[in-house]
Protein backbone atom coordinates (compact mmCIF):
# COMPACT_ATOMS: atom_id res chain seq x y z
CA UNK A 1 88.31 -99.23 55.15
CA UNK A 2 84.55 -99.43 55.54
CA UNK A 3 81.94 -99.21 52.91
CA UNK A 4 78.92 -97.03 52.52
CA UNK A 5 75.98 -99.13 51.37
CA UNK A 6 74.09 -96.13 50.00
CA UNK A 7 77.10 -94.82 48.05
CA UNK A 8 77.82 -98.30 46.69
CA UNK A 9 74.21 -98.63 45.46
CA UNK A 10 74.32 -95.22 43.80
CA UNK A 11 77.57 -96.13 42.06
CA UNK A 12 76.12 -99.47 40.93
CA UNK A 13 72.98 -97.84 39.53
CA UNK A 14 75.02 -95.16 37.76
CA UNK A 15 77.26 -97.83 36.25
CA UNK A 16 74.28 -99.86 35.06
CA UNK A 17 72.63 -96.82 33.49
CA UNK A 18 75.85 -95.92 31.73
CA UNK A 19 76.33 -99.48 30.48
CA UNK A 20 72.69 -99.93 29.40
CA UNK A 21 72.74 -96.55 27.68
CA UNK A 22 75.77 -97.50 25.61
CA UNK A 23 77.93 -94.96 27.40
CA UNK A 24 75.60 -92.07 26.67
CA UNK A 25 73.34 -90.04 28.86
CA UNK A 26 70.02 -91.72 29.57
CA UNK A 27 66.84 -89.67 29.26
CA UNK A 28 64.70 -89.43 32.35
CA UNK A 29 61.64 -91.71 32.19
CA UNK A 30 59.24 -88.75 32.05
CA UNK A 31 61.07 -87.19 29.05
CA UNK A 32 61.19 -89.86 26.36
CA UNK A 33 63.28 -89.27 23.26
CA UNK A 34 61.18 -88.43 20.23
CA UNK A 35 62.59 -89.77 16.98
CA UNK A 36 62.01 -87.44 14.02
CA UNK A 37 62.80 -90.17 11.49
CA UNK A 38 60.21 -92.47 13.08
CA UNK A 39 57.56 -89.73 12.96
CA UNK A 40 58.26 -89.14 9.27
CA UNK A 41 58.32 -92.87 8.57
CA UNK A 42 54.90 -93.26 10.19
CA UNK A 43 53.26 -90.22 8.59
CA UNK A 44 55.08 -89.47 5.34
CA UNK A 45 56.86 -92.51 3.95
CA UNK A 46 53.85 -93.88 2.12
CA UNK A 47 54.43 -91.09 -0.42
CA UNK A 48 57.88 -89.54 0.27
CA UNK A 49 61.32 -91.10 0.37
CA UNK A 50 62.52 -89.92 3.77
CA UNK A 51 66.15 -91.05 3.71
CA UNK A 52 69.29 -90.61 1.67
CA UNK A 53 68.25 -93.14 -0.96
CA UNK A 54 65.16 -94.38 -2.69
CA UNK A 55 62.41 -92.92 -4.80
CA UNK A 56 59.18 -91.44 -3.50
CA UNK A 57 56.21 -93.70 -4.20
CA UNK A 58 54.02 -90.71 -5.14
CA UNK A 59 55.16 -89.00 -8.34
CA UNK A 60 54.40 -85.51 -6.98
CA UNK A 61 56.00 -86.11 -3.55
CA UNK A 62 59.67 -85.10 -3.59
CA UNK A 63 62.15 -87.05 -1.48
CA UNK A 64 62.97 -85.28 1.77
CA UNK A 65 66.64 -85.10 0.74
CA UNK A 66 65.46 -82.70 -2.01
CA UNK A 67 63.07 -80.78 0.25
CA UNK A 68 65.88 -79.94 2.70
CA UNK A 69 67.85 -78.43 -0.16
CA UNK A 70 64.91 -76.21 -1.16
CA UNK A 71 63.90 -75.07 2.32
CA UNK A 72 65.94 -74.65 5.49
CA UNK A 73 64.41 -77.13 7.96
CA UNK A 74 63.83 -74.36 10.52
CA UNK A 75 61.57 -72.61 7.99
CA UNK A 76 59.24 -75.61 8.15
CA UNK A 77 58.64 -75.39 11.92
CA UNK A 78 55.51 -73.23 11.73
CA UNK A 79 53.98 -75.30 8.94
CA UNK A 80 54.64 -78.53 10.82
CA UNK A 81 52.99 -77.14 13.96
CA UNK A 82 50.01 -75.47 12.27
CA UNK A 83 49.42 -77.86 9.40
CA UNK A 84 51.39 -78.54 6.25
CA UNK A 85 49.60 -77.62 3.06
CA UNK A 86 51.24 -78.89 -0.09
CA UNK A 87 51.21 -78.39 -3.81
CA UNK A 88 49.37 -81.64 -4.51
CA UNK A 89 45.74 -82.07 -3.55
CA UNK A 90 45.86 -85.63 -2.21
CA UNK A 91 48.37 -84.95 0.59
CA UNK A 92 46.68 -85.08 3.99
CA UNK A 93 47.18 -82.17 6.38
CA UNK A 94 49.43 -83.02 9.30
CA UNK A 95 49.97 -81.14 12.54
CA UNK A 96 52.61 -82.06 15.09
CA UNK A 97 53.32 -81.16 18.72
CA UNK A 98 56.20 -78.81 19.48
CA UNK A 99 58.30 -81.78 20.66
CA UNK A 100 57.58 -83.65 17.43
CA UNK A 101 58.41 -80.55 15.37
CA UNK A 102 61.76 -80.24 17.14
CA UNK A 103 62.50 -83.92 16.49
CA UNK A 104 61.51 -83.65 12.82
CA UNK A 105 63.57 -80.51 12.27
CA UNK A 106 66.53 -82.20 13.97
CA UNK A 107 66.21 -85.17 11.62
CA UNK A 108 65.88 -82.89 8.58
CA UNK A 109 68.99 -80.94 9.63
CA UNK A 110 70.89 -84.23 9.94
CA UNK A 111 69.61 -85.30 6.52
CA UNK A 112 70.68 -81.97 5.01
CA UNK A 113 74.14 -82.36 6.55
CA UNK A 114 74.42 -85.81 4.95
CA UNK A 115 73.29 -84.48 1.57
CA UNK A 116 75.69 -81.53 1.59
CA UNK A 117 78.51 -83.33 3.37
CA UNK A 118 78.66 -80.53 5.97
């Protein structure tokens, strides 16, 4: 019963990646995961409540848990990519890359699912 050094190394690396990834698939180094919640936290949370709880700090900025009930998240894709224009004058215009838009819409869909329980 011999051993194959190359096969053993591949198995070891695969085991380590599985263990370090918490048992989930690990993204390739050149395709980092983009976190929609983190993008919204960085760009929007100074005015909007972005999670399931809390009040928005700006009186005219609705919490995102309300926005997702007014608009299907997919309907916001074009605005996120080309520049959101809002109903209140002091909101800055944001534009996001297609990867960021996908991450944001994914987060908003998750938020909507939490709000509706579906």
